[in-house]
């Protein structure tokens, strides 16, 4: 960022961040399909109802505490899409704003998620 800023403070700076993200992602994935894997951490084993139909893949028990109130689950959601510059700009904005973390973007040709586990 200009002046060694860590976070974009206005739309023009956000445009710079998105341009940089997309430049790197274009180099990696141009012309390929990608899996976009988005995690959601909760203390509940069940997938939140608002998320249940948006590419749910699987849930993992991350922290198995004897007290159920302290167990942590990671629910994974997967979308396969052709890579196009700007196709995940909304998600990239959320990542830059610390609304989402732990997102993976993988080429669909390399180690695809086991599709048999998708709902």
Protein backbone atom coordinates (compact mmCIF):
# COMPACT_ATOMS: atom_id res chain seq x y z
CA UNK A 1 0.00 0.00 0.00
CA UNK A 2 1.11 3.59 -0.46
CA UNK A 3 3.02 5.04 2.50
CA UNK A 4 3.55 1.52 3.90
CA UNK A 5 -0.08 1.18 5.01
CA UNK A 6 -1.27 -2.21 6.11
CA UNK A 7 -4.98 -1.76 5.28
CA UNK A 8 -6.83 0.07 2.55
CA UNK A 9 -8.63 3.12 3.89
CA UNK A 10 -10.75 4.08 0.89
CA UNK A 11 -12.09 2.69 -2.37
CA UNK A 12 -9.07 3.75 -4.45
CA UNK A 13 -6.73 1.91 -2.09
CA UNK A 14 -9.02 -1.12 -2.11
CA UNK A 15 -8.80 -1.06 -5.90
CA UNK A 16 -4.99 -1.27 -5.59
CA UNK A 17 -5.29 -4.27 -3.24
CA UNK A 18 -7.71 -6.09 -5.57
CA UNK A 19 -5.48 -5.36 -8.57
CA UNK A 20 -2.51 -6.90 -6.76
CA UNK A 21 -4.47 -9.97 -5.63
CA UNK A 22 -5.83 -10.53 -9.13
CA UNK A 23 -2.42 -10.08 -10.78
CA UNK A 24 -0.94 -12.86 -8.65
CA UNK A 25 -3.98 -15.12 -9.04
CA UNK A 26 -3.96 -14.59 -12.83
CA UNK A 27 -0.34 -15.76 -12.92
CA UNK A 28 -1.27 -18.88 -11.00
CA UNK A 29 -4.64 -19.81 -12.47
CA UNK A 30 -5.28 -18.10 -15.84
CA UNK A 31 -7.40 -20.36 -18.02
CA UNK A 32 -7.90 -22.97 -15.29
CA UNK A 33 -10.72 -24.03 -13.01
CA UNK A 34 -10.11 -23.47 -9.32
CA UNK A 35 -11.55 -24.68 -6.04
CA UNK A 36 -12.28 -21.86 -3.62
CA UNK A 37 -12.40 -23.39 -0.14
CA UNK A 38 -13.81 -21.18 2.59
CA UNK A 39 -13.77 -22.19 6.27
CA UNK A 40 -16.27 -21.23 8.94
CA UNK A 41 -15.33 -21.88 12.58
CA UNK A 42 -18.04 -22.53 15.16
CA UNK A 43 -18.55 -24.21 18.51
CA UNK A 44 -21.41 -26.26 17.06
CA UNK A 45 -21.07 -29.55 15.17
CA UNK A 46 -24.02 -28.66 12.96
CA UNK A 47 -23.57 -26.50 9.90
CA UNK A 48 -25.22 -23.12 10.47
CA UNK A 49 -28.58 -23.12 8.65
CA UNK A 50 -27.69 -19.98 6.71
CA UNK A 51 -24.67 -21.77 5.20
CA UNK A 52 -26.01 -25.28 4.66
CA UNK A 53 -26.73 -24.98 0.93
CA UNK A 54 -23.80 -22.86 -0.24
CA UNK A 55 -21.27 -25.48 -1.29
CA UNK A 56 -20.99 -27.35 2.00
CA UNK A 57 -18.21 -29.92 1.78
CA UNK A 58 -17.40 -31.27 5.24
CA UNK A 59 -16.94 -30.44 8.91
CA UNK A 60 -13.87 -31.12 11.01
CA UNK A 61 -13.53 -31.28 14.77
CA UNK A 62 -10.55 -28.99 15.34
CA UNK A 63 -10.42 -28.82 19.13
CA UNK A 64 -11.84 -31.81 21.00
CA UNK A 65 -12.34 -30.48 24.50
CA UNK A 66 -14.13 -32.57 27.16
CA UNK A 67 -16.40 -29.57 27.75
CA UNK A 68 -18.69 -29.23 24.70
CA UNK A 69 -18.75 -25.45 25.13
CA UNK A 70 -15.06 -25.36 24.24
CA UNK A 71 -15.08 -27.65 21.20
CA UNK A 72 -14.23 -26.01 17.92
CA UNK A 73 -15.45 -27.11 14.50
CA UNK A 74 -14.33 -25.99 11.08
CA UNK A 75 -17.02 -26.24 8.41
CA UNK A 76 -15.60 -26.18 4.89
CA UNK A 77 -17.44 -24.83 1.87
CA UNK A 78 -16.17 -25.43 -1.67
CA UNK A 79 -16.97 -23.82 -4.98
CA UNK A 80 -15.46 -24.89 -8.28
CA UNK A 81 -15.29 -22.14 -10.85
CA UNK A 82 -13.35 -21.11 -13.92
CA UNK A 83 -10.74 -18.56 -12.91
CA UNK A 84 -11.56 -15.11 -14.26
CA UNK A 85 -9.97 -11.89 -13.08
CA UNK A 86 -12.35 -10.34 -10.55
CA UNK A 87 -14.49 -13.46 -10.04
CA UNK A 88 -13.84 -13.54 -6.29
CA UNK A 89 -13.39 -9.82 -5.63
CA UNK A 90 -16.12 -9.81 -2.96
CA UNK A 91 -14.35 -12.61 -1.11
CA UNK A 92 -10.98 -10.88 -1.51
CA UNK A 93 -12.48 -7.71 -0.01
CA UNK A 94 -13.73 -9.74 2.96
CA UNK A 95 -10.25 -11.24 3.41
CA UNK A 96 -8.62 -7.81 3.27
CA UNK A 97 -11.14 -6.53 5.85
CA UNK A 98 -10.47 -9.51 8.18
CA UNK A 99 -14.05 -10.74 7.81
CA UNK A 100 -12.87 -14.10 6.46
CA UNK A 101 -9.63 -16.00 7.07
CA UNK A 102 -8.11 -19.27 5.98
CA UNK A 103 -9.44 -19.25 2.41
CA UNK A 104 -7.70 -21.62 0.01
CA UNK A 105 -7.65 -21.27 -3.75
CA UNK A 106 -6.39 -24.38 -5.51
CA UNK A 107 -6.26 -25.44 -9.14
CA UNK A 108 -8.97 -28.00 -9.77
CA UNK A 109 -6.44 -30.17 -11.61
CA UNK A 110 -4.20 -30.65 -8.56
CA UNK A 111 -5.44 -32.64 -5.59
CA UNK A 112 -9.15 -31.90 -5.89
CA UNK A 113 -11.29 -32.26 -2.80
CA UNK A 114 -12.89 -35.71 -2.54
CA UNK A 115 -16.17 -34.97 -4.29
CA UNK A 116 -17.86 -38.02 -2.79
CA UNK A 117 -18.02 -36.14 0.52
CA UNK A 118 -19.92 -33.17 -0.89
CA UNK A 119 -23.58 -32.86 -0.06
